[in-house]
N, C-alpha and C. Protein backbone atom coordinates (compact mmCIF):
# COMPACT_ATOMS: atom_id res chain seq x y z
N GLN A 1 -15.47 -12.91 -5.36
CA GLN A 1 -14.90 -11.80 -6.18
C GLN A 1 -14.65 -10.58 -5.18
N VAL A 2 -13.47 -10.43 -5.52
CA VAL A 2 -12.81 -9.24 -4.34
C VAL A 2 -12.50 -8.34 -5.09
N GLN A 3 -12.87 -6.67 -4.88
CA GLN A 3 -12.62 -5.24 -5.26
C GLN A 3 -11.84 -4.67 -4.26
N PHE A 4 -10.70 -4.54 -4.64
CA PHE A 4 -10.01 -3.47 -3.66
C PHE A 4 -10.18 -2.01 -4.09
N VAL A 5 -10.29 -1.57 -2.99
CA VAL A 5 -10.21 -0.08 -3.27
C VAL A 5 -9.13 0.89 -2.55
N GLU A 6 -8.20 1.76 -2.82
CA GLU A 6 -7.21 2.23 -2.73
C GLU A 6 -7.58 4.03 -2.53
N SER A 7 -7.34 4.17 -1.30
CA SER A 7 -7.41 5.72 -1.35
C SER A 7 -6.29 6.19 -0.32
N GLY A 8 -6.17 7.72 -0.24
CA GLY A 8 -5.45 8.25 0.37
C GLY A 8 -4.30 9.13 0.00
N GLY A 9 -4.07 9.02 -1.33
CA GLY A 9 -3.07 9.36 -2.29
C GLY A 9 -3.08 10.80 -2.42
N GLY A 10 -1.71 11.50 -2.77
CA GLY A 10 -2.01 12.83 -2.99
C GLY A 10 -0.57 13.52 -3.26
N LEU A 11 -0.53 14.47 -3.84
CA LEU A 11 0.75 15.31 -3.90
C LEU A 11 1.17 15.40 -2.12
N VAL A 12 2.57 15.53 -2.27
CA VAL A 12 3.00 15.63 -0.89
C VAL A 12 4.72 16.47 -1.32
N GLN A 13 4.88 16.89 -0.13
CA GLN A 13 6.38 17.29 -0.68
C GLN A 13 7.59 16.26 0.08
N PRO A 14 8.64 16.53 -0.51
CA PRO A 14 9.90 15.23 0.02
C PRO A 14 9.82 15.49 1.55
N GLY A 15 9.77 14.57 2.43
CA GLY A 15 9.96 14.63 3.66
C GLY A 15 8.24 14.65 4.27
N GLY A 16 7.41 14.55 3.35
CA GLY A 16 6.33 14.60 3.91
C GLY A 16 5.50 13.23 4.28
N SER A 17 3.97 13.20 4.87
CA SER A 17 3.72 11.78 5.17
C SER A 17 2.52 11.70 4.65
N LEU A 18 1.98 10.60 4.19
CA LEU A 18 0.66 10.15 3.95
C LEU A 18 0.34 8.62 4.20
N ARG A 19 -1.05 8.68 4.58
CA ARG A 19 -1.67 7.43 5.18
C ARG A 19 -2.74 7.14 3.96
N LEU A 20 -2.22 5.72 3.11
CA LEU A 20 -3.16 4.86 2.29
C LEU A 20 -4.37 4.06 3.11
N SER A 21 -4.87 3.84 2.35
CA SER A 21 -6.14 2.83 2.85
C SER A 21 -6.54 1.87 1.64
N CYS A 22 -6.79 1.11 2.39
CA CYS A 22 -7.49 -0.16 1.22
C CYS A 22 -8.81 -0.58 1.85
N ALA A 23 -9.70 -0.63 1.23
CA ALA A 23 -11.02 -1.52 1.53
C ALA A 23 -11.26 -2.33 0.35
N ALA A 24 -12.25 -3.39 1.11
CA ALA A 24 -12.58 -4.56 -0.01
C ALA A 24 -14.10 -5.06 0.42
N SER A 25 -14.77 -5.16 -0.66
CA SER A 25 -15.83 -5.97 -0.50
C SER A 25 -15.97 -7.36 -0.66
N GLY A 26 -16.33 -7.99 0.44
CA GLY A 26 -16.67 -9.46 0.39
C GLY A 26 -14.99 -9.99 0.87
N PHE A 27 -14.39 -9.29 1.35
CA PHE A 27 -12.96 -9.76 1.85
C PHE A 27 -12.71 -9.60 3.17
N THR A 28 -12.18 -10.54 4.12
CA THR A 28 -11.55 -10.21 5.29
C THR A 28 -10.06 -10.23 5.45
N PHE A 29 -9.44 -9.02 5.83
CA PHE A 29 -7.97 -8.74 5.37
C PHE A 29 -7.15 -9.99 6.56
N SER A 30 -7.66 -10.05 7.30
CA SER A 30 -6.43 -10.93 8.34
C SER A 30 -6.66 -12.25 7.85
N SER A 31 -7.57 -12.63 6.89
CA SER A 31 -7.67 -13.91 6.35
C SER A 31 -6.69 -14.30 5.51
N ALA A 32 -5.50 -13.35 4.95
CA ALA A 32 -4.95 -13.63 3.81
C ALA A 32 -3.59 -12.90 4.07
N VAL A 33 -2.61 -12.84 3.73
CA VAL A 33 -1.23 -12.33 3.32
C VAL A 33 -1.56 -11.29 2.62
N MET A 34 -1.46 -9.89 3.17
CA MET A 34 -1.75 -9.00 2.61
C MET A 34 -0.24 -7.96 1.87
N SER A 35 -0.72 -7.55 0.81
CA SER A 35 0.47 -6.51 0.73
C SER A 35 0.23 -5.41 0.20
N TRP A 36 0.90 -4.28 -0.06
CA TRP A 36 0.78 -2.95 -0.66
C TRP A 36 1.98 -3.32 -1.97
N TYR A 37 1.74 -2.43 -3.16
CA TYR A 37 2.65 -2.36 -4.21
C TYR A 37 2.53 -1.38 -4.90
N ARG A 38 3.16 -1.09 -5.82
CA ARG A 38 3.54 0.39 -6.38
C ARG A 38 4.05 0.03 -8.05
N GLN A 39 3.47 1.19 -8.66
CA GLN A 39 4.34 1.18 -9.89
C GLN A 39 4.42 2.66 -10.32
N ALA A 40 5.58 2.66 -10.75
CA ALA A 40 6.03 4.09 -11.24
C ALA A 40 5.72 3.52 -12.84
N PRO A 41 5.97 5.04 -13.64
CA PRO A 41 5.80 4.84 -15.05
C PRO A 41 7.05 4.51 -15.54
N GLY A 42 7.02 3.63 -16.49
CA GLY A 42 7.89 2.92 -17.02
C GLY A 42 8.55 1.84 -16.22
N LYS A 43 7.99 1.13 -15.07
CA LYS A 43 8.78 0.25 -14.33
C LYS A 43 8.07 -0.71 -13.81
N GLU A 44 8.22 -1.76 -13.44
CA GLU A 44 7.40 -3.17 -13.07
C GLU A 44 6.99 -2.90 -11.63
N ARG A 45 5.39 -3.39 -11.80
CA ARG A 45 5.40 -3.22 -9.93
C ARG A 45 5.68 -3.73 -9.14
N GLU A 46 6.23 -3.38 -7.84
CA GLU A 46 6.75 -3.43 -7.24
C GLU A 46 6.34 -3.75 -5.82
N LEU A 47 6.62 -4.80 -5.03
CA LEU A 47 6.16 -5.34 -3.78
C LEU A 47 6.77 -4.11 -2.99
N VAL A 48 6.16 -3.37 -2.09
CA VAL A 48 6.11 -2.45 -0.92
C VAL A 48 6.25 -3.15 0.27
N ALA A 49 5.18 -3.83 0.58
CA ALA A 49 5.10 -4.12 2.15
C ALA A 49 4.08 -5.23 2.18
N THR A 50 4.17 -6.25 3.38
CA THR A 50 3.43 -7.26 3.26
C THR A 50 3.20 -7.67 4.90
N ILE A 51 1.80 -7.69 4.97
CA ILE A 51 1.53 -8.56 6.62
C ILE A 51 0.52 -9.58 6.60
N PHE A 52 0.89 -10.41 7.79
CA PHE A 52 -0.30 -11.46 8.25
C PHE A 52 -0.06 -11.54 9.50
N SER A 53 -0.76 -11.24 10.38
CA SER A 53 -0.93 -11.15 11.88
C SER A 53 0.10 -10.08 12.17
N SER A 54 0.80 -10.76 13.16
CA SER A 54 1.55 -9.53 13.43
C SER A 54 2.93 -9.65 12.83
N SER A 55 3.29 -10.25 11.62
CA SER A 55 4.58 -10.04 10.88
C SER A 55 4.64 -9.35 10.16
N THR A 56 5.43 -8.32 9.82
CA THR A 56 5.22 -7.66 8.32
C THR A 56 6.88 -7.91 7.43
N ASN A 57 6.74 -7.21 6.57
CA ASN A 57 8.05 -7.22 5.65
C ASN A 57 7.98 -6.14 5.01
N TYR A 58 9.26 -5.61 4.48
CA TYR A 58 9.40 -4.54 3.69
C TYR A 58 10.39 -4.48 2.58
N ALA A 59 10.21 -3.52 1.67
CA ALA A 59 11.20 -3.59 0.50
C ALA A 59 12.37 -2.90 1.49
N ASP A 60 13.42 -2.83 0.80
CA ASP A 60 14.80 -2.13 1.67
C ASP A 60 14.34 -0.63 1.46
N SER A 61 13.82 -0.58 0.25
CA SER A 61 13.56 0.97 0.05
C SER A 61 13.00 1.83 0.63
N VAL A 62 12.06 1.26 1.32
CA VAL A 62 11.13 1.70 2.30
C VAL A 62 11.03 1.36 3.53
N LYS A 63 11.74 0.26 4.11
CA LYS A 63 11.93 0.29 5.54
C LYS A 63 12.82 1.74 6.34
N GLY A 64 11.78 1.49 7.22
CA GLY A 64 12.03 2.81 8.48
C GLY A 64 11.22 3.51 8.09
N ARG A 65 10.72 3.87 7.17
CA ARG A 65 9.82 4.80 6.56
C ARG A 65 8.37 4.44 6.45
N PHE A 66 7.97 3.28 6.03
CA PHE A 66 6.87 3.20 5.71
C PHE A 66 6.27 1.90 7.10
N THR A 67 4.93 1.83 7.21
CA THR A 67 4.51 0.95 8.13
C THR A 67 3.19 0.37 7.50
N ILE A 68 3.27 -1.01 7.67
CA ILE A 68 1.78 -1.48 7.16
C ILE A 68 1.13 -2.06 8.13
N SER A 69 -0.22 -1.81 8.18
CA SER A 69 -1.08 -2.24 9.35
C SER A 69 -2.25 -2.73 8.79
N LEU A 70 -2.84 -3.14 9.76
CA LEU A 70 -4.42 -3.80 9.85
C LEU A 70 -5.12 -3.24 10.93
N ASN A 71 -6.13 -2.64 10.61
CA ASN A 71 -7.31 -2.54 11.27
C ASN A 71 -8.66 -3.82 11.29
N ASN A 72 -8.70 -4.83 12.38
CA ASN A 72 -9.18 -5.58 11.90
C ASN A 72 -10.88 -5.40 12.23
N ALA A 73 -10.85 -4.30 13.30
CA ALA A 73 -12.37 -3.76 13.56
C ALA A 73 -12.91 -3.20 12.50
N LYS A 74 -12.10 -2.49 11.74
CA LYS A 74 -12.65 -1.46 10.54
C LYS A 74 -11.94 -2.69 9.18
N ASN A 75 -11.55 -3.67 9.43
CA ASN A 75 -11.35 -4.36 8.07
C ASN A 75 -10.86 -3.91 7.00
N THR A 76 -9.64 -2.64 7.46
CA THR A 76 -9.14 -1.87 6.76
C THR A 76 -7.52 -2.45 6.83
N LEU A 77 -6.83 -1.90 5.64
CA LEU A 77 -5.48 -1.91 5.23
C LEU A 77 -5.11 -0.93 5.11
N TYR A 78 -3.76 -0.50 6.06
CA TYR A 78 -2.97 0.71 6.07
C TYR A 78 -1.71 0.79 5.55
N LEU A 79 -1.33 1.81 5.02
CA LEU A 79 0.15 1.93 4.63
C LEU A 79 0.92 3.21 5.31
N GLN A 80 1.52 3.69 6.10
CA GLN A 80 1.70 4.68 6.54
C GLN A 80 2.95 5.13 6.26
N MET A 81 3.51 6.11 5.28
CA MET A 81 4.10 6.36 4.61
C MET A 81 5.10 8.03 5.06
N ASN A 82 6.16 7.82 5.54
CA ASN A 82 6.68 9.04 6.33
C ASN A 82 8.07 9.25 5.59
N SER A 83 8.63 10.28 5.60
CA SER A 83 9.69 11.05 5.07
C SER A 83 9.77 10.41 3.49
N LEU A 84 8.65 10.94 2.63
CA LEU A 84 8.54 10.45 1.62
C LEU A 84 9.49 11.25 0.58
N LYS A 85 10.02 10.37 -0.60
CA LYS A 85 10.81 10.78 -1.32
C LYS A 85 10.46 10.92 -2.90
N PRO A 86 10.75 11.75 -3.72
CA PRO A 86 10.35 11.77 -4.90
C PRO A 86 10.38 10.46 -5.77
N GLU A 87 11.25 9.19 -5.25
CA GLU A 87 11.17 8.09 -5.83
C GLU A 87 10.16 6.92 -5.14
N ASP A 88 9.40 7.79 -4.38
CA ASP A 88 8.21 6.88 -3.94
C ASP A 88 7.05 7.60 -4.71
N THR A 89 7.40 8.08 -5.73
CA THR A 89 6.20 8.81 -6.26
C THR A 89 5.87 7.10 -7.33
N ALA A 90 4.45 6.79 -6.99
CA ALA A 90 3.89 5.64 -8.01
C ALA A 90 2.25 5.59 -7.69
N VAL A 91 1.59 4.66 -8.37
CA VAL A 91 0.46 4.44 -8.24
C VAL A 91 0.40 3.55 -7.15
N TYR A 92 0.03 3.27 -6.05
CA TYR A 92 0.06 2.28 -4.77
C TYR A 92 -1.16 1.47 -5.11
N TYR A 93 -1.18 0.38 -4.85
CA TYR A 93 -2.02 -0.80 -4.74
C TYR A 93 -1.81 -1.89 -3.78
N CYS A 94 -2.92 -2.22 -3.31
CA CYS A 94 -3.02 -3.43 -2.32
C CYS A 94 -3.83 -4.92 -2.72
N ASN A 95 -3.18 -5.84 -2.48
CA ASN A 95 -3.47 -6.99 -3.20
C ASN A 95 -3.14 -8.36 -2.08
N ALA A 96 -4.02 -9.19 -2.34
CA ALA A 96 -3.11 -10.53 -1.48
C ALA A 96 -2.02 -10.84 -1.93
N ARG A 97 -0.96 -11.29 -1.67
CA ARG A 97 0.44 -11.34 -1.80
C ARG A 97 0.51 -12.82 -2.68
N TYR A 98 -0.02 -13.63 -2.40
CA TYR A 98 0.30 -15.24 -2.86
C TYR A 98 -1.19 -15.69 -3.55
N ARG A 99 -2.40 -15.16 -3.68
CA ARG A 99 -3.36 -15.46 -4.37
C ARG A 99 -4.26 -14.04 -4.62
N PRO A 100 -3.74 -13.25 -5.49
CA PRO A 100 -3.98 -12.19 -5.65
C PRO A 100 -5.34 -11.98 -6.60
N SER A 101 -6.22 -11.07 -6.44
CA SER A 101 -7.36 -10.72 -6.90
C SER A 101 -7.23 -9.77 -8.01
N ASP A 102 -8.38 -9.57 -8.87
CA ASP A 102 -8.18 -8.37 -9.57
C ASP A 102 -7.44 -7.13 -8.97
N TRP A 103 -6.73 -6.36 -9.63
CA TRP A 103 -5.93 -5.18 -9.37
C TRP A 103 -7.28 -3.92 -8.99
N GLY A 104 -7.11 -3.11 -8.11
CA GLY A 104 -7.84 -1.89 -8.37
C GLY A 104 -7.64 -0.95 -9.09
N GLN A 105 -8.50 0.26 -9.29
CA GLN A 105 -7.56 1.59 -9.98
C GLN A 105 -5.95 1.93 -9.03
N GLY A 106 -5.99 1.64 -7.67
CA GLY A 106 -4.83 2.12 -7.31
C GLY A 106 -4.93 3.91 -6.92
N THR A 107 -3.91 4.27 -6.18
CA THR A 107 -3.79 5.64 -5.52
C THR A 107 -2.83 5.86 -5.80
N GLN A 108 -2.71 7.13 -6.58
CA GLN A 108 -1.71 7.95 -6.97
C GLN A 108 -0.79 9.00 -5.87
N VAL A 109 0.52 8.67 -5.48
CA VAL A 109 0.99 8.98 -4.90
C VAL A 109 2.06 9.86 -5.85
N THR A 110 2.34 11.71 -5.42
CA THR A 110 3.13 12.02 -5.86
C THR A 110 4.19 12.68 -5.08
N VAL A 111 5.37 12.65 -5.24
CA VAL A 111 6.14 13.40 -4.05
C VAL A 111 7.01 14.26 -4.69
N SER A 112 6.93 15.51 -4.72
CA SER A 112 7.46 16.57 -5.51
C SER A 112 7.30 18.12 -4.66
N SER A 113 8.40 18.89 -4.90
CA SER A 113 8.37 20.10 -4.10
C SER A 113 7.42 21.04 -5.60
């Protein structure tokens, strides 16, 4: 059983940056295709970014602005978010891409002036 714990969200102005972190118990991130998702009010959960080994993929809406990465030594998944836009406002979650575990609480990202 995997419990994902997301952190690092907060309130940021448009154009600002945040780095989200994802930790998990009893799970090695490098063993799975991992993704960041987000869900805005009234919208479906959206796949934001995916990583496996050195391969990454991003939703068109975040390409060039977000970077997904793994720190294997810390067994931590990250999402570096730059040039944030109000449209990025959502609750952000991490999970395995193809065999997802239970969803964590997520971390709220609010982009507003």
